Protein backbone atom coordinates (compact mmCIF):
# COMPACT_ATOMS: atom_id res chain seq x y z
CA MET A 1 32.57 -18.11 4.02
CA GLU A 2 33.09 -17.88 0.27
CA LEU A 3 30.52 -20.62 -0.32
CA ILE A 4 27.84 -18.82 1.68
CA TYR A 5 28.70 -15.55 -0.06
CA SER A 6 28.45 -17.19 -3.49
CA ILE A 7 25.15 -18.88 -2.64
CA CYS A 8 23.66 -15.60 -1.41
CA THR A 9 24.78 -13.80 -4.56
CA GLY A 10 23.34 -16.57 -6.74
CA VAL A 11 20.01 -16.63 -4.88
CA LEU A 12 19.68 -12.85 -5.16
CA THR A 13 20.48 -13.00 -8.87
CA ALA A 14 18.03 -15.84 -9.57
CA SER A 15 15.28 -14.18 -7.54
CA GLY A 16 15.90 -10.84 -9.22
CA ILE A 17 15.73 -12.32 -12.71
CA PHE A 18 12.59 -14.28 -11.84
CA LEU A 19 10.85 -11.19 -10.50
CA ALA A 20 12.07 -8.95 -13.33
CA LEU A 21 10.35 -11.24 -15.84
CA ARG A 22 6.93 -10.98 -14.15
CA GLY A 23 3.98 -9.27 -15.81
CA ARG A 24 3.27 -6.59 -13.22
CA THR A 25 5.36 -3.54 -12.47
CA PHE A 26 5.84 -3.98 -8.70
CA PRO A 27 7.59 -7.39 -8.99
CA VAL A 28 9.73 -5.94 -11.78
CA VAL A 29 10.85 -3.10 -9.50
CA VAL A 30 11.62 -5.54 -6.66
CA GLY A 31 13.48 -7.79 -9.11
CA LEU A 32 15.65 -4.93 -10.34
CA THR A 33 16.38 -3.99 -6.74
CA LEU A 34 17.45 -7.56 -5.94
CA LEU A 35 19.67 -7.56 -9.01
CA THR A 36 21.39 -4.39 -7.83
CA TYR A 37 21.99 -6.02 -4.44
CA ALA A 38 23.49 -9.05 -6.19
CA VAL A 39 25.76 -6.83 -8.28
CA ASN A 40 26.87 -4.98 -5.13
CA LEU A 41 27.78 -8.28 -3.46
CA PHE A 42 29.63 -9.38 -6.59
CA LEU A 43 31.60 -6.14 -6.81
CA PHE A 44 32.47 -6.33 -3.13
CA SER A 45 33.68 -9.92 -3.51
CA MET A 46 36.06 -8.92 -6.31
CA GLY A 47 38.35 -7.36 -3.70
CA GLY A 48 38.69 -10.69 -1.94
CA LEU A 49 37.04 -11.74 1.27
CA HIS A 50 39.54 -10.96 4.03
CA THR A 51 38.34 -11.23 7.61
CA ALA A 52 41.49 -9.85 9.21
CA ALA A 53 42.38 -7.06 6.78
CA SER A 54 43.15 -3.58 7.96
CA THR A 55 41.83 -0.36 6.46
CA ILE A 56 44.46 1.75 8.23
CA VAL A 57 47.87 2.19 6.61
CA GLY A 58 50.83 1.43 8.81
CA THR A 59 49.62 -1.63 10.70
CA ASP A 60 51.22 -5.04 10.42
CA MET A 61 47.97 -6.61 9.12
CA PRO A 62 47.34 -7.02 5.36
CA MET A 63 45.57 -4.10 3.71
CA ALA A 64 42.03 -4.26 2.40
CA ASP A 65 41.57 -3.15 -1.21
CA PRO A 66 39.60 0.16 -1.23
CA LEU A 67 38.63 0.02 -4.92
CA PRO A 68 35.78 -2.53 -4.56
CA GLN A 69 34.43 -0.55 -1.63
CA ALA A 70 34.37 2.61 -3.74
CA LEU A 71 32.71 0.74 -6.60
CA VAL A 72 30.03 -0.63 -4.25
CA LEU A 73 29.30 2.83 -2.85
CA THR A 74 28.93 4.16 -6.38
CA ALA A 75 26.71 1.22 -7.34
CA ILE A 76 24.49 1.82 -4.30
CA VAL A 77 23.89 5.43 -5.36
CA ILE A 78 23.22 4.43 -8.97
CA GLY A 79 20.92 1.60 -7.84
CA PHE A 80 18.94 3.93 -5.61
CA ALA A 81 18.52 6.47 -8.41
CA MET A 82 17.49 3.72 -10.84
CA THR A 83 14.94 2.34 -8.38
CA ALA A 84 13.45 5.79 -7.79
CA PHE A 85 13.20 6.38 -11.54
CA VAL A 86 11.54 3.00 -12.18
CA VAL A 87 9.03 3.56 -9.34
CA ILE A 88 8.07 6.97 -10.75
CA LEU A 89 7.85 5.48 -14.24
CA ALA A 90 5.60 2.67 -12.96
CA MET A 91 3.37 5.14 -11.15
CA ARG A 92 3.07 7.24 -14.31
CA ALA A 93 2.26 4.19 -16.43
CA ARG A 94 -0.37 3.09 -13.90
CA GLY A 95 -1.95 6.53 -14.01
CA ASP A 96 -1.91 6.84 -17.81
CA LEU A 97 -2.86 3.28 -18.76
CA GLY A 98 -5.03 2.34 -15.79
CA SER A 99 -3.18 -0.96 -15.43
CA ASP A 100 -0.02 -2.05 -13.69
CA HIS A 101 0.86 -4.70 -16.26
CA VAL A 102 4.18 -4.25 -18.02
CA ASP A 103 2.68 -4.31 -21.51
CA GLY A 104 -0.26 -2.08 -20.48
CA GLN A 105 -2.88 -4.76 -21.10
CA ARG A 106 -4.59 -7.30 -18.95
CA ARG A 107 -4.11 -10.98 -19.73
CA GLU A 108 -7.66 -11.41 -21.04
CA GLU A 109 -7.24 -8.45 -23.41
CA SER A 110 -3.94 -9.74 -24.76
CA ARG A 111 -5.42 -13.22 -25.38
CA GLU A 112 -8.34 -11.74 -27.31
CA ALA A 113 -5.97 -9.68 -29.47
CA SER A 114 -3.97 -12.74 -30.55
């Protein structure tokens, strides 16, 4: 289970970084969202992957650590707020610049400038 969890976290991280380095704003937003998902999985794995852990105090099963769960919930809220802010920022840049490229120029214009 840990191997699958690690592979999923790595694939999400690699995909997020790849998309965050693209030239258009929509892949950048999707890449940042994938990176937040990867961070959430990483934070959740820090508590240890226990399949038979109890969340109720007083049972004879081992207890699950609540701190990573609280960190993941906080990271989900922060990630949602960051995604909403980046989407609004991308929409504003598209409206002001007339282009959805990250640097505000099309590729042909940036080649002519250099």
